Amino acid sequence: MSMRKLTTAVLALVLLAAISMVGYARFVFSPREFAQELQSSLIEQVLQGQTGQLTRLSEKLADQTHQGPKPCLRYSQQAPSEEELSVVVEELFALGLGEDFILWVSQFGAWAEEHEEQFHRHSREEEVLDAIGESLGLFDRIMVILARDRVLEALTQLRSEATADLTKRHQKKFSLQSPDRQKAIKDLWNRNKTTLTFPGFVRISDRLKVKTTEARLDKLARSLLQWASAKNSFPKDLEELGTPEEWLKDGWHLNYDYQRTPTGARLSSLGADGIRGGQDLDADIVRNIETSREQ
């Protein structure tokens, strides 16, 4: 080999080594940034509707990591039937959990994680990192191996930060329940583990938003009738009623459309899209209120 070729080869190796050191330094000193990129990538896939890829990832993780009786709740893909969904929704509202469902999802998720610990050798972060790692480029994959502990620590910290507030709230909410209600709530979860774990609660959430909206509309309608009975007129706006603040938002956290009419009042939710009209989840949910009757 000529001296020129040898020099070129040495320079190439030095450059590669320098790039590698810079890359390694990024993982060593900024593992949180890399962990955030991984999370952002997954979120982007969800937003772009790439659910097929995520489903395959979940199935792969469940198959490779679950070591006990199935289904695997950590990566469950078992969709509950329509009948099962309806029954669970009714039970949630019967227990008074429907309107605060997002808080109880956190509690159910914590129970699912406790349940799955006995069937998984590694943490969720380790399993996901291993699965995602196969889709990374060679350089990034090598860097993940070299800085694995730091990346895992960053992933764990990010998840902890994201769920810290909900965790405190659902733990406090559950602790304030009577022993009988605590038992009833835990029994509900034990009987419906897959329905109250992803993807079951994703499908339930739409139903609960509709039912929450209907329940709040009925409460507001009764309050409006009481106001009209006492004052012989309907209020100018819903805030005058003095009802709990959460009643003034529908299941999608949107304001109600309230109008006084010649014969009473009209109260409506504009559905998931917040636009008048629509079908299915976007359909308006309406209550026409008159002093003589409630529709």
C-alpha atoms as a PDB file:
ATOM      1  CA  MET A   1       0.000   0.000   0.000  1.00  0.00           C
ATOM      2  CA  SER A   2       1.357   3.403  -0.941  1.00  0.00           C
ATOM      3  CA  MET A   3       2.048   6.011   1.716  1.00  0.00           C
ATOM      4  CA  ARG A   4      -0.733   8.198   0.305  1.00  0.00           C
ATOM      5  CA  LYS A   5      -3.334   5.429   0.587  1.00  0.00           C
ATOM      6  CA  LEU A   6      -2.108   4.550   4.073  1.00  0.00           C
ATOM      7  CA  THR A   7      -2.373   8.181   5.146  1.00  0.00           C
ATOM      8  CA  THR A   8      -5.891   8.409   3.706  1.00  0.00           C
ATOM      9  CA  ALA A   9      -6.937   5.233   5.538  1.00  0.00           C
ATOM     10  CA  VAL A  10      -5.506   6.484   8.830  1.00  0.00           C
ATOM     11  CA  LEU A  11      -7.253   9.840   8.454  1.00  0.00           C
ATOM     12  CA  ALA A  12     -10.533   8.059   7.706  1.00  0.00           C
ATOM     13  CA  LEU A  13     -10.170   5.938  10.831  1.00  0.00           C
ATOM     14  CA  VAL A  14      -9.354   8.993  12.928  1.00  0.00           C
ATOM     15  CA  LEU A  15     -12.375  10.832  11.526  1.00  0.00           C
ATOM     16  CA  LEU A  16     -14.624   7.829  12.215  1.00  0.00           C
ATOM     17  CA  ALA A  17     -13.270   7.594  15.737  1.00  0.00           C
ATOM     18  CA  ALA A  18     -13.884  11.307  16.287  1.00  0.00           C
ATOM     19  CA  ILE A  19     -17.469  11.025  15.023  1.00  0.00           C
ATOM     20  CA  SER A  20     -17.990   8.013  17.253  1.00  0.00           C
ATOM     21  CA  MET A  21     -16.663   9.863  20.294  1.00  0.00           C
ATOM     22  CA  VAL A  22     -18.945  12.817  19.572  1.00  0.00           C
ATOM     23  CA  GLY A  23     -21.894  10.471  19.183  1.00  0.00           C
ATOM     24  CA  TYR A  24     -21.002   8.569  22.331  1.00  0.00           C
ATOM     25  CA  ALA A  25     -20.626  11.835  24.235  1.00  0.00           C
ATOM     26  CA  ARG A  26     -24.137  12.777  23.106  1.00  0.00           C
ATOM     27  CA  PHE A  27     -25.558   9.591  24.605  1.00  0.00           C
ATOM     28  CA  VAL A  28     -23.452   9.788  27.754  1.00  0.00           C
ATOM     29  CA  PHE A  29     -24.066  13.444  28.509  1.00  0.00           C
ATOM     30  CA  SER A  30     -27.512  13.879  26.908  1.00  0.00           C
ATOM     31  CA  PRO A  31     -29.345  10.555  27.374  1.00  0.00           C
ATOM     32  CA  ARG A  32     -32.517  12.463  28.221  1.00  0.00           C
ATOM     33  CA  GLU A  33     -32.473  14.149  24.814  1.00  0.00           C
ATOM     34  CA  PHE A  34     -32.179  10.765  23.101  1.00  0.00           C
ATOM     35  CA  ALA A  35     -34.937   9.292  25.295  1.00  0.00           C
ATOM     36  CA  GLN A  36     -37.192  12.207  24.361  1.00  0.00           C
ATOM     37  CA  GLU A  37     -36.472  11.547  20.677  1.00  0.00           C
ATOM     38  CA  LEU A  38     -37.550   7.934  21.126  1.00  0.00           C
ATOM     39  CA  GLN A  39     -40.771   8.985  22.831  1.00  0.00           C
ATOM     40  CA  SER A  40     -41.435  11.666  20.217  1.00  0.00           C
ATOM     41  CA  SER A  41     -40.979   9.069  17.487  1.00  0.00           C
ATOM     42  CA  LEU A  42     -43.630   6.829  19.046  1.00  0.00           C
ATOM     43  CA  ILE A  43     -46.037   9.735  19.590  1.00  0.00           C
ATOM     44  CA  GLU A  44     -45.498  10.843  15.978  1.00  0.00           C
ATOM     45  CA  GLN A  45     -46.408   7.363  14.767  1.00  0.00           C
ATOM     46  CA  VAL A  46     -49.649   7.520  16.750  1.00  0.00           C
ATOM     47  CA  LEU A  47     -50.513  11.005  15.441  1.00  0.00           C
ATOM     48  CA  GLN A  48     -49.793   9.944  11.880  1.00  0.00           C
ATOM     49  CA  GLY A  49     -52.009   6.913  12.274  1.00  0.00           C
ATOM     50  CA  GLN A  50     -49.204   4.377  12.019  1.00  0.00           C
ATOM     51  CA  THR A  51     -51.043   2.132  14.446  1.00  0.00           C
ATOM     52  CA  GLY A  52     -50.249  -1.013  12.476  1.00  0.00           C
ATOM     53  CA  GLN A  53     -46.581  -0.654  13.299  1.00  0.00           C
ATOM     54  CA  LEU A  54     -47.369  -0.002  16.963  1.00  0.00           C
ATOM     55  CA  THR A  55     -49.696  -3.001  17.028  1.00  0.00           C
ATOM     56  CA  ARG A  56     -46.946  -5.208  15.635  1.00  0.00           C
ATOM     57  CA  LEU A  57     -44.569  -3.803  18.242  1.00  0.00           C
ATOM     58  CA  SER A  58     -47.050  -4.565  21.037  1.00  0.00           C
ATOM     59  CA  GLU A  59     -47.642  -8.088  19.743  1.00  0.00           C
ATOM     60  CA  LYS A  60     -43.916  -8.670  19.487  1.00  0.00           C
ATOM     61  CA  LEU A  61     -43.301  -7.378  23.007  1.00  0.00           C
ATOM     62  CA  ALA A  62     -46.138  -9.464  24.427  1.00  0.00           C
ATOM     63  CA  ASP A  63     -44.841 -12.570  22.667  1.00  0.00           C
ATOM     64  CA  GLN A  64     -41.199 -12.069  23.624  1.00  0.00           C
ATOM     65  CA  THR A  65     -41.450 -10.694  27.154  1.00  0.00           C
ATOM     66  CA  HIS A  66     -44.612 -12.092  28.771  1.00  0.00           C
ATOM     67  CA  GLN A  67     -43.831 -15.195  30.842  1.00  0.00           C
ATOM     68  CA  GLY A  68     -47.201 -16.135  32.326  1.00  0.00           C
ATOM     69  CA  PRO A  69     -50.892 -16.683  31.555  1.00  0.00           C
ATOM     70  CA  LYS A  70     -52.144 -14.539  28.704  1.00  0.00           C
ATOM     71  CA  PRO A  71     -53.359 -12.006  27.764  1.00  0.00           C
ATOM     72  CA  CYS A  72     -50.423  -9.740  28.518  1.00  0.00           C
ATOM     73  CA  LEU A  73     -51.924  -6.584  30.032  1.00  0.00           C
ATOM     74  CA  ARG A  74     -48.772  -4.547  29.571  1.00  0.00           C
ATOM     75  CA  TYR A  75     -49.012  -4.850  25.796  1.00  0.00           C
ATOM     76  CA  SER A  76     -52.599  -6.016  25.429  1.00  0.00           C
ATOM     77  CA  GLN A  77     -54.103  -5.945  21.938  1.00  0.00           C
ATOM     78  CA  GLN A  78     -57.206  -7.930  22.840  1.00  0.00           C
ATOM     79  CA  ALA A  79     -60.146  -5.741  21.914  1.00  0.00           C
ATOM     80  CA  PRO A  80     -63.241  -6.213  24.120  1.00  0.00           C
ATOM     81  CA  SER A  81     -66.594  -6.833  22.479  1.00  0.00           C
ATOM     82  CA  GLU A  82     -69.228  -4.110  22.156  1.00  0.00           C
ATOM     83  CA  GLU A  83     -71.318  -5.869  24.789  1.00  0.00           C
ATOM     84  CA  GLU A  84     -68.408  -5.954  27.230  1.00  0.00           C
ATOM     85  CA  LEU A  85     -67.763  -2.258  26.665  1.00  0.00           C
ATOM     86  CA  SER A  86     -71.389  -1.354  27.341  1.00  0.00           C
ATOM     87  CA  VAL A  87     -71.516  -3.365  30.562  1.00  0.00           C
ATOM     88  CA  VAL A  88     -68.291  -1.852  31.900  1.00  0.00           C
ATOM     89  CA  VAL A  89     -69.385   1.690  31.037  1.00  0.00           C
ATOM     90  CA  GLU A  90     -72.633   1.196  32.971  1.00  0.00           C
ATOM     91  CA  GLU A  91     -70.722  -0.228  35.945  1.00  0.00           C
ATOM     92  CA  LEU A  92     -68.272   2.674  35.929  1.00  0.00           C
ATOM     93  CA  PHE A  93     -71.117   5.178  36.099  1.00  0.00           C
ATOM     94  CA  ALA A  94     -72.954   3.112  38.704  1.00  0.00           C
ATOM     95  CA  LEU A  95     -69.840   3.404  40.889  1.00  0.00           C
ATOM     96  CA  GLY A  96     -69.551   7.123  40.142  1.00  0.00           C
ATOM     97  CA  LEU A  97     -66.265   6.737  38.256  1.00  0.00           C
ATOM     98  CA  GLY A  98     -67.434   7.743  34.787  1.00  0.00           C
ATOM     99  CA  GLU A  99     -66.887  11.504  34.884  1.00  0.00           C
ATOM    100  CA  ASP A 100     -63.420  11.123  36.466  1.00  0.00           C
ATOM    101  CA  PHE A 101     -62.456   8.250  34.221  1.00  0.00           C
ATOM    102  CA  ILE A 102     -59.083   9.707  33.144  1.00  0.00           C
ATOM    103  CA  LEU A 103     -58.069   9.675  36.809  1.00  0.00           C
ATOM    104  CA  TRP A 104     -59.201   6.087  37.239  1.00  0.00           C
ATOM    105  CA  VAL A 105     -57.398   5.031  34.053  1.00  0.00           C
ATOM    106  CA  SER A 106     -54.215   5.951  35.894  1.00  0.00           C
ATOM    107  CA  GLN A 107     -55.264   3.786  38.846  1.00  0.00           C
ATOM    108  CA  PHE A 108     -56.190   0.870  36.590  1.00  0.00           C
ATOM    109  CA  GLY A 109     -52.873   1.273  34.788  1.00  0.00           C
ATOM    110  CA  ALA A 110     -51.002   1.097  38.089  1.00  0.00           C
ATOM    111  CA  TRP A 111     -52.839  -2.113  38.996  1.00  0.00           C
ATOM    112  CA  ALA A 112     -52.090  -3.560  35.569  1.00  0.00           C
ATOM    113  CA  GLU A 113     -48.403  -2.789  36.035  1.00  0.00           C
ATOM    114  CA  GLU A 114     -48.395  -4.441  39.470  1.00  0.00           C
ATOM    115  CA  HIS A 115     -50.200  -7.451  38.012  1.00  0.00           C
ATOM    116  CA  GLU A 116     -47.725  -7.759  35.126  1.00  0.00           C
ATOM    117  CA  GLU A 117     -44.577  -7.464  37.239  1.00  0.00           C
ATOM    118  CA  GLN A 118     -44.804 -11.145  38.080  1.00  0.00           C
ATOM    119  CA  PHE A 119     -44.905 -12.073  34.382  1.00  0.00           C
ATOM    120  CA  HIS A 120     -42.095  -9.816  33.101  1.00  0.00           C
ATOM    121  CA  ARG A 121     -38.398 -10.116  33.902  1.00  0.00           C
ATOM    122  CA  HIS A 122     -37.589  -6.566  32.831  1.00  0.00           C
ATOM    123  CA  SER A 123     -39.083  -3.101  33.151  1.00  0.00           C
ATOM    124  CA  ARG A 124     -41.336  -1.635  30.472  1.00  0.00           C
ATOM    125  CA  GLU A 125     -38.548   0.768  29.457  1.00  0.00           C
ATOM    126  CA  GLU A 126     -36.040  -2.056  28.932  1.00  0.00           C
ATOM    127  CA  GLU A 127     -38.476  -4.059  26.834  1.00  0.00           C
ATOM    128  CA  VAL A 128     -39.499  -1.128  24.660  1.00  0.00           C
ATOM    129  CA  LEU A 129     -35.892  -0.020  24.182  1.00  0.00           C
ATOM    130  CA  ASP A 130     -34.924  -3.507  23.057  1.00  0.00           C
ATOM    131  CA  ALA A 131     -37.803  -3.628  20.591  1.00  0.00           C
ATOM    132  CA  ILE A 132     -37.248  -0.129  19.203  1.00  0.00           C
ATOM    133  CA  GLY A 133     -33.495  -0.682  19.129  1.00  0.00           C
ATOM    134  CA  GLU A 134     -33.863  -3.122  16.264  1.00  0.00           C
ATOM    135  CA  SER A 135     -35.248  -0.369  14.049  1.00  0.00           C
ATOM    136  CA  LEU A 136     -32.430   2.083  14.815  1.00  0.00           C
ATOM    137  CA  GLY A 137     -29.482   2.656  12.541  1.00  0.00           C
ATOM    138  CA  LEU A 138     -26.284   0.730  13.224  1.00  0.00           C
ATOM    139  CA  PHE A 139     -24.486   3.702  14.767  1.00  0.00           C
ATOM    140  CA  ASP A 140     -27.387   4.597  17.083  1.00  0.00           C
ATOM    141  CA  ARG A 141     -27.777   0.950  18.029  1.00  0.00           C
ATOM    142  CA  ILE A 142     -24.120   0.737  19.051  1.00  0.00           C
ATOM    143  CA  MET A 143     -24.430   3.934  21.048  1.00  0.00           C
ATOM    144  CA  VAL A 144     -27.544   2.602  22.839  1.00  0.00           C
ATOM    145  CA  ILE A 145     -25.600  -0.478  23.851  1.00  0.00           C
ATOM    146  CA  LEU A 146     -22.713   1.610  25.171  1.00  0.00           C
ATOM    147  CA  ALA A 147     -24.931   4.051  27.091  1.00  0.00           C
ATOM    148  CA  ARG A 148     -27.827   1.697  27.839  1.00  0.00           C
ATOM    149  CA  ASP A 149     -28.075   2.349  31.571  1.00  0.00           C
ATOM    150  CA  ARG A 150     -28.164   6.104  31.112  1.00  0.00           C
ATOM    151  CA  VAL A 151     -30.817   5.934  28.374  1.00  0.00           C
ATOM    152  CA  LEU A 152     -32.971   3.591  30.474  1.00  0.00           C
ATOM    153  CA  GLU A 153     -32.655   5.904  33.459  1.00  0.00           C
ATOM    154  CA  ALA A 154     -33.743   8.844  31.306  1.00  0.00           C
ATOM    155  CA  LEU A 155     -36.724   6.922  29.865  1.00  0.00           C
ATOM    156  CA  THR A 156     -37.817   5.893  33.369  1.00  0.00           C
ATOM    157  CA  GLN A 157     -37.499   9.460  34.629  1.00  0.00           C
ATOM    158  CA  LEU A 158     -39.508  10.851  31.724  1.00  0.00           C
ATOM    159  CA  ARG A 159     -42.358   8.399  32.331  1.00  0.00           C
ATOM    160  CA  SER A 160     -42.282   9.113  36.060  1.00  0.00           C
ATOM    161  CA  GLU A 161     -42.468  12.865  35.456  1.00  0.00           C
ATOM    162  CA  ALA A 162     -45.323  12.454  32.978  1.00  0.00           C
ATOM    163  CA  THR A 163     -47.422  10.398  35.388  1.00  0.00           C
ATOM    164  CA  ALA A 164     -46.387  11.943  38.737  1.00  0.00           C
ATOM    165  CA  ASP A 165     -49.359  14.290  39.086  1.00  0.00           C
ATOM    166  CA  LEU A 166     -51.950  11.713  38.008  1.00  0.00           C
ATOM    167  CA  THR A 167     -50.352   9.107  40.286  1.00  0.00           C
ATOM    168  CA  LYS A 168     -50.679  11.370  43.330  1.00  0.00           C
ATOM    169  CA  ARG A 169     -54.240  12.278  42.415  1.00  0.00           C
ATOM    170  CA  HIS A 170     -55.495   8.742  41.782  1.00  0.00           C
ATOM    171  CA  GLN A 171     -53.795   7.420  44.925  1.00  0.00           C
ATOM    172  CA  LYS A 172     -55.432  10.161  46.987  1.00  0.00           C
ATOM    173  CA  LYS A 173     -58.791   9.634  45.265  1.00  0.00           C
ATOM    174  CA  PHE A 174     -58.723   5.895  45.939  1.00  0.00           C
ATOM    175  CA  SER A 175     -57.594   6.299  49.558  1.00  0.00           C
ATOM    176  CA  LEU A 176     -60.557   8.609  50.235  1.00  0.00           C
ATOM    177  CA  GLN A 177     -63.069   5.946  49.181  1.00  0.00           C
ATOM    178  CA  SER A 178     -64.782   3.836  51.837  1.00  0.00           C
ATOM    179  CA  PRO A 179     -63.469   0.270  52.268  1.00  0.00           C
ATOM    180  CA  ASP A 180     -66.599  -1.093  50.565  1.00  0.00           C
ATOM    181  CA  ARG A 181     -66.165   1.217  47.566  1.00  0.00           C
ATOM    182  CA  GLN A 182     -62.470   0.408  47.350  1.00  0.00           C
ATOM    183  CA  LYS A 183     -63.362  -3.275  47.203  1.00  0.00           C
ATOM    184  CA  ALA A 184     -66.072  -2.657  44.582  1.00  0.00           C
ATOM    185  CA  ILE A 185     -63.669  -0.671  42.379  1.00  0.00           C
ATOM    186  CA  LYS A 186     -60.930  -3.284  42.668  1.00  0.00           C
ATOM    187  CA  ASP A 187     -63.450  -6.065  41.941  1.00  0.00           C
ATOM    188  CA  LEU A 188     -64.584  -4.188  38.817  1.00  0.00           C
ATOM    189  CA  TRP A 189     -60.999  -4.041  37.593  1.00  0.00           C
ATOM    190  CA  ASN A 190     -60.306  -7.692  38.412  1.00  0.00           C
ATOM    191  CA  ARG A 191     -63.356  -8.768  36.395  1.00  0.00           C
ATOM    192  CA  ASN A 192     -62.510  -6.547  33.407  1.00  0.00           C
ATOM    193  CA  LYS A 193     -58.724  -6.351  33.216  1.00  0.00           C
ATOM    194  CA  THR A 194     -58.428  -6.314  29.439  1.00  0.00           C
ATOM    195  CA  THR A 195     -61.344  -3.915  28.976  1.00  0.00           C
ATOM    196  CA  LEU A 196     -59.862  -1.477  31.501  1.00  0.00           C
ATOM    197  CA  THR A 197     -56.391  -1.714  29.972  1.00  0.00           C
ATOM    198  CA  PHE A 198     -55.209  -0.431  26.578  1.00  0.00           C
ATOM    199  CA  PRO A 199     -56.753  -0.689  24.011  1.00  0.00           C
ATOM    200  CA  GLY A 200     -60.015  -1.303  25.891  1.00  0.00           C
ATOM    201  CA  PHE A 201     -60.082   2.015  27.755  1.00  0.00           C
ATOM    202  CA  VAL A 202     -59.347   3.892  24.506  1.00  0.00           C
ATOM    203  CA  ARG A 203     -62.636   2.601  23.098  1.00  0.00           C
ATOM    204  CA  ILE A 204     -64.417   3.105  26.414  1.00  0.00           C
ATOM    205  CA  SER A 205     -63.282   6.721  26.639  1.00  0.00           C
ATOM    206  CA  ASP A 206     -65.465   7.801  23.697  1.00  0.00           C
ATOM    207  CA  ARG A 207     -68.521   6.168  25.229  1.00  0.00           C
ATOM    208  CA  LEU A 208     -67.754   7.726  28.596  1.00  0.00           C
ATOM    209  CA  LYS A 209     -67.439  11.206  27.063  1.00  0.00           C
ATOM    210  CA  VAL A 210     -70.900  10.850  25.549  1.00  0.00           C
ATOM    211  CA  LYS A 211     -72.390   9.494  28.763  1.00  0.00           C
ATOM    212  CA  THR A 212     -70.626  12.139  30.853  1.00  0.00           C
ATOM    213  CA  THR A 213     -72.033  14.822  28.570  1.00  0.00           C
ATOM    214  CA  GLU A 214     -75.550  13.413  28.851  1.00  0.00           C
ATOM    215  CA  ALA A 215     -75.294  13.180  32.646  1.00  0.00           C
ATOM    216  CA  ARG A 216     -74.082  16.776  32.975  1.00  0.00           C
ATOM    217  CA  LEU A 217     -76.722  18.049  30.570  1.00  0.00           C
ATOM    218  CA  ASP A 218     -79.407  16.399  32.705  1.00  0.00           C
ATOM    219  CA  LYS A 219     -77.973  17.960  35.880  1.00  0.00           C
ATOM    220  CA  LEU A 220     -77.874  21.387  34.266  1.00  0.00           C
ATOM    221  CA  ALA A 221     -81.390  20.947  32.901  1.00  0.00           C
ATOM    222  CA  ARG A 222     -82.694  20.205  36.407  1.00  0.00           C
ATOM    223  CA  SER A 223     -80.848  23.234  37.798  1.00  0.00           C
ATOM    224  CA  LEU A 224     -82.312  25.422  35.054  1.00  0.00           C
ATOM    225  CA  LEU A 225     -85.825  24.195  35.831  1.00  0.00           C
ATOM    226  CA  GLN A 226     -85.328  24.918  39.534  1.00  0.00           C
ATOM    227  CA  TRP A 227     -84.057  28.424  38.690  1.00  0.00           C
ATOM    228  CA  ALA A 228     -86.988  29.071  36.365  1.00  0.00           C
ATOM    229  CA  SER A 229     -89.459  27.798  38.957  1.00  0.00           C
ATOM    230  CA  ALA A 230     -88.038  30.105  41.601  1.00  0.00           C
ATOM    231  CA  LYS A 231     -87.516  33.217  39.442  1.00  0.00           C
ATOM    232  CA  ASN A 232     -90.060  32.736  36.664  1.00  0.00           C
ATOM    233  CA  SER A 233     -87.342  33.104  34.024  1.00  0.00           C
ATOM    234  CA  PHE A 234     -84.187  31.385  32.829  1.00  0.00           C
ATOM    235  CA  PRO A 235     -80.719  32.789  33.629  1.00  0.00           C
ATOM    236  CA  LYS A 236     -78.764  34.813  31.071  1.00  0.00           C
ATOM    237  CA  ASP A 237     -75.900  32.318  31.189  1.00  0.00           C
ATOM    238  CA  LEU A 238     -75.050  29.028  32.883  1.00  0.00           C
ATOM    239  CA  GLU A 239     -72.562  30.621  35.300  1.00  0.00           C
ATOM    240  CA  GLU A 240     -75.490  32.265  37.109  1.00  0.00           C
ATOM    241  CA  LEU A 241     -76.647  28.822  38.252  1.00  0.00           C
ATOM    242  CA  GLY A 242     -73.682  28.483  40.633  1.00  0.00           C
ATOM    243  CA  THR A 243     -73.264  24.810  39.800  1.00  0.00           C
ATOM    244  CA  PRO A 244     -69.912  22.986  40.162  1.00  0.00           C
ATOM    245  CA  GLU A 245     -67.479  24.265  37.544  1.00  0.00           C
ATOM    246  CA  GLU A 246     -66.968  20.841  35.952  1.00  0.00           C
ATOM    247  CA  TRP A 247     -70.681  20.676  35.065  1.00  0.00           C
ATOM    248  CA  LEU A 248     -70.162  23.579  32.640  1.00  0.00           C
ATOM    249  CA  LYS A 249     -67.931  21.504  30.335  1.00  0.00           C
ATOM    250  CA  ASP A 250     -69.019  18.521  28.289  1.00  0.00           C
ATOM    251  CA  GLY A 251     -67.176  15.210  28.067  1.00  0.00           C
ATOM    252  CA  TRP A 252     -64.712  16.737  25.579  1.00  0.00           C
ATOM    253  CA  HIS A 253     -64.038  19.695  27.928  1.00  0.00           C
ATOM    254  CA  LEU A 254     -65.893  22.072  25.625  1.00  0.00           C
ATOM    255  CA  ASN A 255     -68.422  24.708  26.686  1.00  0.00           C
ATOM    256  CA  TYR A 256     -72.127  24.013  26.202  1.00  0.00           C
ATOM    257  CA  ASP A 257     -74.197  26.057  23.805  1.00  0.00           C
ATOM    258  CA  TYR A 258     -76.935  27.694  25.906  1.00  0.00           C
ATOM    259  CA  GLN A 259     -79.791  29.723  24.454  1.00  0.00           C
ATOM    260  CA  ARG A 260     -82.994  31.084  25.919  1.00  0.00           C
ATOM    261  CA  THR A 261     -86.036  30.388  23.757  1.00  0.00           C
ATOM    262  CA  PRO A 262     -89.617  31.768  23.717  1.00  0.00           C
ATOM    263  CA  THR A 263     -90.809  28.669  25.608  1.00  0.00           C
ATOM    264  CA  GLY A 264     -87.791  27.934  27.787  1.00  0.00           C
ATOM    265  CA  ALA A 265     -84.161  27.188  26.990  1.00  0.00           C
ATOM    266  CA  ARG A 266     -82.031  25.028  24.731  1.00  0.00           C
ATOM    267  CA  LEU A 267     -78.873  23.419  26.051  1.00  0.00           C
ATOM    268  CA  SER A 268     -76.553  21.446  23.820  1.00  0.00           C
ATOM    269  CA  SER A 269     -73.123  19.924  23.449  1.00  0.00           C
ATOM    270  CA  LEU A 270     -71.686  20.219  19.951  1.00  0.00           C
ATOM    271  CA  GLY A 271     -70.015  16.833  20.175  1.00  0.00           C
ATOM    272  CA  ALA A 272     -66.400  15.823  19.728  1.00  0.00           C
ATOM    273  CA  ASP A 273     -65.703  18.304  16.902  1.00  0.00           C
ATOM    274  CA  GLY A 274     -67.264  21.302  18.665  1.00  0.00           C
ATOM    275  CA  ILE A 275     -69.203  22.178  15.477  1.00  0.00           C
ATOM    276  CA  ARG A 276     -72.973  22.246  15.123  1.00  0.00           C
ATOM    277  CA  GLY A 277     -74.367  19.130  13.427  1.00  0.00           C
ATOM    278  CA  GLY A 278     -72.379  16.023  12.637  1.00  0.00           C
ATOM    279  CA  GLN A 279     -72.761  12.295  13.103  1.00  0.00           C
ATOM    280  CA  ASP A 280     -71.715   9.678  15.633  1.00  0.00           C
ATOM    281  CA  LEU A 281     -69.307  11.256  18.157  1.00  0.00           C
ATOM    282  CA  ASP A 282     -69.593  14.616  16.372  1.00  0.00           C
ATOM    283  CA  ALA A 283     -73.381  14.683  16.681  1.00  0.00           C
ATOM    284  CA  ASP A 284     -74.984  17.358  18.885  1.00  0.00           C
ATOM    285  CA  ILE A 285     -76.469  16.223  22.200  1.00  0.00           C
ATOM    286  CA  VAL A 286     -79.439  18.456  22.963  1.00  0.00           C
ATOM    287  CA  ARG A 287     -81.793  19.161  25.864  1.00  0.00           C
ATOM    288  CA  ASN A 288     -84.828  21.364  25.189  1.00  0.00           C
ATOM    289  CA  ILE A 289     -86.022  22.715  28.529  1.00  0.00           C
ATOM    290  CA  GLU A 290     -89.448  24.126  29.307  1.00  0.00           C
ATOM    291  CA  THR A 291     -90.954  25.092  32.623  1.00  0.00           C
ATOM    292  CA  SER A 292     -93.691  22.503  32.203  1.00  0.00           C
ATOM    293  CA  ARG A 293     -91.480  19.579  31.127  1.00  0.00           C
ATOM    294  CA  GLU A 294     -87.917  18.488  30.436  1.00  0.00           C
ATOM    295  CA  GLN A 295     -87.018  16.811  27.152  1.00  0.00           C
END
